[in-house]
Amino acid sequence: MNKTRMSRVGEEIKKELSILLQREMKDPRIGFVTVTSVDVTSDLQLAKVYVSIFGSEEQREASLAGLHKAKGFLRTELGRRIKLRHVPDLVFKLDESIDYGNKIESILREISTEGESKR
């Protein structure tokens, strides 16, 4: 399949899911969730949705469980908003790149302060 179409479909799914999670979801388990990226397979049968969840580890697990539970509702709403012959199945994955970036930044800051104290 055309790579540009796959990326356009992924971006459209990302945009609509962000709106749905922000405005339509009523599940109290789903906390502060941000859709960071969506990877769509070439046959548009599967969409891996990477989400960043703010909070403790328990809150992250609860939010992921709430997202898995709401998968049917989200697919139905995506089908209404995006005109596709087949709405891809959604798989939610936790995006840990933000946490990794924060960890690297804190290590660099620590190294920087150690270097200044040795001067």
Protein backbone atom coordinates (compact mmCIF):
# COMPACT_ATOMS: atom_id res chain seq x y z
CA MET A 1 0.00 0.00 0.00
CA ASN A 2 1.05 3.58 -0.53
CA LYS A 3 3.11 4.84 2.44
CA THR A 4 1.61 8.32 2.24
CA ARG A 5 -1.92 6.92 2.53
CA MET A 6 -0.93 4.80 5.51
CA SER A 7 0.58 7.83 7.23
CA ARG A 8 -2.46 10.00 6.42
CA VAL A 9 -4.83 7.37 7.81
CA GLY A 10 -2.64 7.04 10.92
CA GLU A 11 -2.62 10.80 11.48
CA GLU A 12 -6.39 11.00 11.01
CA ILE A 13 -6.92 8.18 13.51
CA LYS A 14 -4.56 9.92 15.94
CA LYS A 15 -6.46 13.21 15.64
CA GLU A 16 -9.89 11.65 16.06
CA LEU A 17 -8.82 9.41 18.95
CA SER A 18 -7.36 12.41 20.76
CA ILE A 19 -10.67 14.23 20.42
CA LEU A 20 -12.64 11.17 21.51
CA LEU A 21 -10.47 10.56 24.57
CA GLN A 22 -10.65 14.20 25.55
CA ARG A 23 -14.37 14.83 25.09
CA GLU A 24 -16.37 11.61 24.80
CA MET A 25 -14.85 9.16 27.28
CA LYS A 26 -16.66 8.91 30.58
CA ASP A 27 -14.63 6.07 32.13
CA PRO A 28 -13.08 7.34 35.39
CA ARG A 29 -10.14 4.91 35.01
CA ILE A 30 -8.90 6.78 31.96
CA GLY A 31 -6.85 9.62 33.34
CA PHE A 32 -4.60 12.05 31.53
CA VAL A 33 -3.96 10.13 28.28
CA THR A 34 -2.18 11.56 25.23
CA VAL A 35 -2.03 9.77 21.88
CA THR A 36 1.58 10.13 20.75
CA SER A 37 1.51 8.16 17.49
CA VAL A 38 -0.43 5.62 15.46
CA ASP A 39 1.17 2.97 13.26
CA VAL A 40 -1.17 1.42 10.70
CA THR A 41 -0.35 -1.84 8.93
CA SER A 42 -0.18 -1.83 5.15
CA ASP A 43 -3.53 -3.63 4.79
CA LEU A 44 -5.24 -1.21 7.25
CA GLN A 45 -6.37 -4.11 9.44
CA LEU A 46 -4.47 -3.12 12.58
CA ALA A 47 -3.54 0.19 14.17
CA LYS A 48 -1.03 0.31 17.01
CA VAL A 49 -1.92 3.31 19.12
CA TYR A 50 0.92 4.56 21.31
CA VAL A 51 -0.30 6.49 24.34
CA SER A 52 1.48 8.43 27.04
CA ILE A 53 -0.24 8.30 30.41
CA PHE A 54 0.51 10.74 33.21
CA GLY A 55 0.45 9.33 36.72
CA SER A 56 1.72 6.48 38.84
CA GLU A 57 2.22 2.92 37.61
CA GLU A 58 -1.18 1.86 39.03
CA GLN A 59 -2.91 4.75 37.25
CA ARG A 60 -1.18 3.81 34.01
CA GLU A 61 -2.33 0.21 34.28
CA ALA A 62 -5.89 1.32 35.11
CA SER A 63 -5.92 3.72 32.16
CA LEU A 64 -4.66 1.02 29.79
CA ALA A 65 -7.32 -1.37 31.08
CA GLY A 66 -9.97 1.30 30.51
CA LEU A 67 -8.71 1.89 26.98
CA HIS A 68 -8.81 -1.83 26.20
CA LYS A 69 -12.36 -1.99 27.57
CA ALA A 70 -13.45 1.00 25.45
CA LYS A 71 -11.89 -0.34 22.23
CA GLY A 72 -15.25 -1.25 20.69
CA PHE A 73 -16.75 2.17 21.40
CA LEU A 74 -13.68 3.91 19.99
CA ARG A 75 -13.74 1.81 16.79
CA THR A 76 -17.43 2.55 16.30
CA GLU A 77 -16.89 6.28 16.74
CA LEU A 78 -13.87 6.21 14.41
CA GLY A 79 -16.04 4.49 11.81
CA ARG A 80 -18.57 7.29 12.04
CA ARG A 81 -15.97 10.05 11.79
CA ILE A 82 -13.53 8.58 9.25
CA LYS A 83 -14.81 7.19 5.99
CA LEU A 84 -12.98 3.89 5.60
CA ARG A 85 -14.24 0.61 4.22
CA HIS A 86 -12.83 -1.20 7.22
CA VAL A 87 -11.91 0.46 10.53
CA PRO A 88 -8.65 -1.03 11.80
CA ASP A 89 -8.51 -2.99 15.02
CA LEU A 90 -6.96 -0.87 17.77
CA VAL A 91 -4.07 -2.10 19.91
CA PHE A 92 -3.04 0.27 22.70
CA LYS A 93 0.61 0.34 23.72
CA LEU A 94 2.26 2.45 26.39
CA ASP A 95 4.74 4.93 24.92
CA GLU A 96 7.65 5.18 27.30
CA SER A 97 9.76 7.52 25.18
CA ILE A 98 8.77 10.57 27.25
CA ASP A 99 9.80 8.83 30.48
CA TYR A 100 13.05 7.74 28.84
CA GLY A 101 13.72 11.29 27.69
CA ASN A 102 13.09 12.63 31.20
CA LYS A 103 15.46 10.04 32.64
CA ILE A 104 18.22 10.99 30.18
CA GLU A 105 17.65 14.70 30.91
CA SER A 106 17.96 14.16 34.67
CA ILE A 107 21.18 12.16 34.18
CA LEU A 108 22.63 14.92 32.00
CA ARG A 109 21.61 17.56 34.54
CA GLU A 110 23.26 15.52 37.30
CA ILE A 111 26.47 15.19 35.27
CA SER A 112 26.42 18.92 34.57
CA THR A 113 26.10 19.83 38.25
CA GLU A 114 28.91 17.40 39.16
CA GLY A 115 31.15 19.02 36.55
CA GLU A 116 30.44 22.51 37.89
CA SER A 117 31.11 21.46 41.50
CA LYS A 118 34.54 20.04 40.58
CA ARG A 119 35.69 23.37 39.12
